[in-house]
Amino acid sequence: MQQFDYDEVLDLILAKDDRYLREAYHFVREGLDYTQHKMTRMSGATQSQH
């Protein structure tokens, strides 16, 4: 699977649609990362499901 640089992809998104600040995307990303981490710990999974 191809890896993407988060900031580069975010730059592309913001160039096409600037309705939200960069910080808003970082806020959502941090929330998703936190939730994924908590769910992984709760399930006892050792590797990603995706």
PDB file of N, CA and C in Angstrom:
ATOM      1  N   MET A   1       0.838  -1.177   0.000  1.00  0.00           N
ATOM      2  CA  MET A   1       0.000   0.000   0.000  1.00  0.00           C
ATOM      3  C   MET A   1       0.885   1.242   0.000  1.00  0.00           C
ATOM      4  N   GLN A   2       0.506   2.226  -0.769  1.00  0.00           N
ATOM      5  CA  GLN A   2       1.287   3.454  -0.891  1.00  0.00           C
ATOM      6  C   GLN A   2       1.095   4.334   0.338  1.00  0.00           C
ATOM      7  N   GLN A   3       2.193   4.858   0.864  1.00  0.00           N
ATOM      8  CA  GLN A   3       2.147   5.768   2.002  1.00  0.00           C
ATOM      9  C   GLN A   3       2.109   7.210   1.507  1.00  0.00           C
ATOM     10  N   PHE A   4       1.322   8.039   2.167  1.00  0.00           N
ATOM     11  CA  PHE A   4       1.215   9.444   1.807  1.00  0.00           C
ATOM     12  C   PHE A   4       1.703  10.299   2.967  1.00  0.00           C
ATOM     13  N   ASP A   5       2.326  11.417   2.635  1.00  0.00           N
ATOM     14  CA  ASP A   5       2.730  12.373   3.649  1.00  0.00           C
ATOM     15  C   ASP A   5       1.503  13.200   4.027  1.00  0.00           C
ATOM     16  N   TYR A   6       1.137  13.166   5.284  1.00  0.00           N
ATOM     17  CA  TYR A   6      -0.082  13.828   5.754  1.00  0.00           C
ATOM     18  C   TYR A   6      -0.093  15.310   5.404  1.00  0.00           C
ATOM     19  N   ASP A   7       1.000  16.010   5.655  1.00  0.00           N
ATOM     20  CA  ASP A   7       1.040  17.448   5.392  1.00  0.00           C
ATOM     21  C   ASP A   7       0.957  17.773   3.903  1.00  0.00           C
ATOM     22  N   GLU A   8       1.539  16.936   3.059  1.00  0.00           N
ATOM     23  CA  GLU A   8       1.448  17.167   1.614  1.00  0.00           C
ATOM     24  C   GLU A   8       0.009  16.990   1.128  1.00  0.00           C
ATOM     25  N   VAL A   9      -0.646  15.956   1.610  1.00  0.00           N
ATOM     26  CA  VAL A   9      -2.038  15.723   1.227  1.00  0.00           C
ATOM     27  C   VAL A   9      -2.918  16.853   1.754  1.00  0.00           C
ATOM     28  N   LEU A  10      -2.652  17.286   2.962  1.00  0.00           N
ATOM     29  CA  LEU A  10      -3.415  18.392   3.529  1.00  0.00           C
ATOM     30  C   LEU A  10      -3.223  19.671   2.719  1.00  0.00           C
ATOM     31  N   ASP A  11      -2.014  19.915   2.247  1.00  0.00           N
ATOM     32  CA  ASP A  11      -1.766  21.071   1.376  1.00  0.00           C
ATOM     33  C   ASP A  11      -2.626  21.008   0.117  1.00  0.00           C
ATOM     34  N   LEU A  12      -2.740  19.830  -0.481  1.00  0.00           N
ATOM     35  CA  LEU A  12      -3.561  19.664  -1.681  1.00  0.00           C
ATOM     36  C   LEU A  12      -5.036  19.923  -1.386  1.00  0.00           C
ATOM     37  N   ILE A  13      -5.496  19.410  -0.258  1.00  0.00           N
ATOM     38  CA  ILE A  13      -6.891  19.625   0.123  1.00  0.00           C
ATOM     39  C   ILE A  13      -7.162  21.104   0.335  1.00  0.00           C
ATOM     40  N   LEU A  14      -6.280  21.767   1.076  1.00  0.00           N
ATOM     41  CA  LEU A  14      -6.481  23.188   1.384  1.00  0.00           C
ATOM     42  C   LEU A  14      -6.379  24.068   0.141  1.00  0.00           C
ATOM     43  N   ALA A  15      -5.615  23.639  -0.847  1.00  0.00           N
ATOM     44  CA  ALA A  15      -5.507  24.409  -2.086  1.00  0.00           C
ATOM     45  C   ALA A  15      -6.822  24.387  -2.864  1.00  0.00           C
ATOM     46  N   LYS A  16      -7.576  23.294  -2.732  1.00  0.00           N
ATOM     47  CA  LYS A  16      -8.846  23.168  -3.449  1.00  0.00           C
ATOM     48  C   LYS A  16     -10.039  23.652  -2.632  1.00  0.00           C
ATOM     49  N   ASP A  17      -9.937  23.561  -1.316  1.00  0.00           N
ATOM     50  CA  ASP A  17     -11.077  23.896  -0.453  1.00  0.00           C
ATOM     51  C   ASP A  17     -10.548  24.471   0.855  1.00  0.00           C
ATOM     52  N   ASP A  18     -10.699  25.767   1.020  1.00  0.00           N
ATOM     53  CA  ASP A  18     -10.129  26.423   2.199  1.00  0.00           C
ATOM     54  C   ASP A  18     -11.180  26.805   3.245  1.00  0.00           C
ATOM     55  N   ARG A  19     -12.280  26.057   3.280  1.00  0.00           N
ATOM     56  CA  ARG A  19     -13.334  26.368   4.254  1.00  0.00           C
ATOM     57  C   ARG A  19     -12.877  26.167   5.693  1.00  0.00           C
ATOM     58  N   TYR A  20     -11.961  25.223   5.915  1.00  0.00           N
ATOM     59  CA  TYR A  20     -11.514  24.909   7.270  1.00  0.00           C
ATOM     60  C   TYR A  20     -10.034  25.224   7.414  1.00  0.00           C
ATOM     61  N   LEU A  21      -9.662  25.656   8.600  1.00  0.00           N
ATOM     62  CA  LEU A  21      -8.256  25.934   8.886  1.00  0.00           C
ATOM     63  C   LEU A  21      -7.464  24.637   8.973  1.00  0.00           C
ATOM     64  N   ARG A  22      -6.182  24.734   8.713  1.00  0.00           N
ATOM     65  CA  ARG A  22      -5.270  23.592   8.834  1.00  0.00           C
ATOM     66  C   ARG A  22      -5.381  22.970  10.230  1.00  0.00           C
ATOM     67  N   GLU A  23      -5.498  23.825  11.239  1.00  0.00           N
ATOM     68  CA  GLU A  23      -5.575  23.356  12.620  1.00  0.00           C
ATOM     69  C   GLU A  23      -6.807  22.482  12.858  1.00  0.00           C
ATOM     70  N   ALA A  24      -7.884  22.743  12.143  1.00  0.00           N
ATOM     71  CA  ALA A  24      -9.091  21.927  12.291  1.00  0.00           C
ATOM     72  C   ALA A  24      -8.836  20.499  11.814  1.00  0.00           C
ATOM     73  N   TYR A  25      -8.121  20.360  10.717  1.00  0.00           N
ATOM     74  CA  TYR A  25      -7.785  19.021  10.223  1.00  0.00           C
ATOM     75  C   TYR A  25      -6.873  18.294  11.209  1.00  0.00           C
ATOM     76  N   HIS A  26      -5.931  19.020  11.796  1.00  0.00           N
ATOM     77  CA  HIS A  26      -5.042  18.410  12.789  1.00  0.00           C
ATOM     78  C   HIS A  26      -5.834  17.980  14.027  1.00  0.00           C
ATOM     79  N   PHE A  27      -6.793  18.791  14.434  1.00  0.00           N
ATOM     80  CA  PHE A  27      -7.630  18.461  15.585  1.00  0.00           C
ATOM     81  C   PHE A  27      -8.392  17.154  15.341  1.00  0.00           C
ATOM     82  N   VAL A  28      -9.009  17.043  14.181  1.00  0.00           N
ATOM     83  CA  VAL A  28      -9.760  15.830  13.846  1.00  0.00           C
ATOM     84  C   VAL A  28      -8.824  14.630  13.763  1.00  0.00           C
ATOM     85  N   ARG A  29      -7.669  14.808  13.153  1.00  0.00           N
ATOM     86  CA  ARG A  29      -6.696  13.718  13.025  1.00  0.00           C
ATOM     87  C   ARG A  29      -6.241  13.228  14.396  1.00  0.00           C
ATOM     88  N   GLU A  30      -5.963  14.153  15.311  1.00  0.00           N
ATOM     89  CA  GLU A  30      -5.549  13.767  16.656  1.00  0.00           C
ATOM     90  C   GLU A  30      -6.653  12.983  17.361  1.00  0.00           C
ATOM     91  N   GLY A  31      -7.899  13.398  17.169  1.00  0.00           N
ATOM     92  CA  GLY A  31      -9.014  12.674  17.760  1.00  0.00           C
ATOM     93  C   GLY A  31      -9.147  11.267  17.205  1.00  0.00           C
ATOM     94  N   LEU A  32      -8.969  11.124  15.908  1.00  0.00           N
ATOM     95  CA  LEU A  32      -9.029   9.797  15.286  1.00  0.00           C
ATOM     96  C   LEU A  32      -7.882   8.910  15.749  1.00  0.00           C
ATOM     97  N   ASP A  33      -6.677   9.473  15.828  1.00  0.00           N
ATOM     98  CA  ASP A  33      -5.523   8.707  16.305  1.00  0.00           C
ATOM     99  C   ASP A  33      -5.733   8.236  17.743  1.00  0.00           C
ATOM    100  N   TYR A  34      -6.250   9.128  18.582  1.00  0.00           N
ATOM    101  CA  TYR A  34      -6.515   8.787  19.977  1.00  0.00           C
ATOM    102  C   TYR A  34      -7.535   7.649  20.067  1.00  0.00           C
ATOM    103  N   THR A  35      -8.629   7.782  19.319  1.00  0.00           N
ATOM    104  CA  THR A  35      -9.680   6.770  19.350  1.00  0.00           C
ATOM    105  C   THR A  35      -9.171   5.432  18.839  1.00  0.00           C
ATOM    106  N   GLN A  36      -8.401   5.452  17.769  1.00  0.00           N
ATOM    107  CA  GLN A  36      -7.847   4.208  17.233  1.00  0.00           C
ATOM    108  C   GLN A  36      -6.944   3.543  18.261  1.00  0.00           C
ATOM    109  N   HIS A  37      -6.123   4.338  18.925  1.00  0.00           N
ATOM    110  CA  HIS A  37      -5.219   3.804  19.946  1.00  0.00           C
ATOM    111  C   HIS A  37      -6.021   3.167  21.089  1.00  0.00           C
ATOM    112  N   LYS A  38      -7.053   3.856  21.566  1.00  0.00           N
ATOM    113  CA  LYS A  38      -7.872   3.331  22.658  1.00  0.00           C
ATOM    114  C   LYS A  38      -8.606   2.059  22.243  1.00  0.00           C
ATOM    115  N   MET A  39      -9.149   2.042  21.037  1.00  0.00           N
ATOM    116  CA  MET A  39      -9.874   0.864  20.566  1.00  0.00           C
ATOM    117  C   MET A  39      -8.945  -0.330  20.419  1.00  0.00           C
ATOM    118  N   THR A  40      -7.739  -0.082  19.955  1.00  0.00           N
ATOM    119  CA  THR A  40      -6.762  -1.156  19.807  1.00  0.00           C
ATOM    120  C   THR A  40      -6.410  -1.739  21.168  1.00  0.00           C
ATOM    121  N   ARG A  41      -6.199  -0.882  22.148  1.00  0.00           N
ATOM    122  CA  ARG A  41      -5.864  -1.347  23.493  1.00  0.00           C
ATOM    123  C   ARG A  41      -7.022  -2.121  24.110  1.00  0.00           C
ATOM    124  N   MET A  42      -8.249  -1.656  23.885  1.00  0.00           N
ATOM    125  CA  MET A  42      -9.421  -2.317  24.459  1.00  0.00           C
ATOM    126  C   MET A  42      -9.651  -3.690  23.845  1.00  0.00           C
ATOM    127  N   SER A  43      -9.355  -3.831  22.560  1.00  0.00           N
ATOM    128  CA  SER A  43      -9.609  -5.104  21.887  1.00  0.00           C
ATOM    129  C   SER A  43      -8.459  -6.083  22.058  1.00  0.00           C
ATOM    130  N   GLY A  44      -7.314  -5.587  22.505  1.00  0.00           N
ATOM    131  CA  GLY A  44      -6.151  -6.445  22.654  1.00  0.00           C
ATOM    132  C   GLY A  44      -5.496  -6.783  21.337  1.00  0.00           C
ATOM    133  N   ALA A  45      -5.893  -6.097  20.274  1.00  0.00           N
ATOM    134  CA  ALA A  45      -5.319  -6.351  18.952  1.00  0.00           C
ATOM    135  C   ALA A  45      -3.865  -5.920  18.927  1.00  0.00           C
ATOM    136  N   THR A  46      -3.071  -6.658  18.177  1.00  0.00           N
ATOM    137  CA  THR A  46      -1.655  -6.328  18.068  1.00  0.00           C
ATOM    138  C   THR A  46      -1.305  -5.764  16.709  1.00  0.00           C
ATOM    139  N   GLN A  47      -2.218  -5.844  15.740  1.00  0.00           N
ATOM    140  CA  GLN A  47      -1.945  -5.283  14.428  1.00  0.00           C
ATOM    141  C   GLN A  47      -3.191  -4.605  13.879  1.00  0.00           C
ATOM    142  N   SER A  48      -2.989  -3.700  12.966  1.00  0.00           N
ATOM    143  CA  SER A  48      -4.080  -2.919  12.399  1.00  0.00           C
ATOM    144  C   SER A  48      -5.092  -3.812  11.698  1.00  0.00           C
ATOM    145  N   GLN A  49      -6.352  -3.438  11.777  1.00  0.00           N
ATOM    146  CA  GLN A  49      -7.413  -4.181  11.108  1.00  0.00           C
ATOM    147  C   GLN A  49      -7.572  -3.763   9.656  1.00  0.00           C
ATOM    148  N   HIS A  50      -6.885  -2.691   9.233  1.00  0.00           N
ATOM    149  CA  HIS A  50      -7.010  -2.190   7.857  1.00  0.00           C
ATOM    150  C   HIS A  50      -5.668  -2.088   7.201  1.00  0.00           C
TER     151      HIS A  50
END
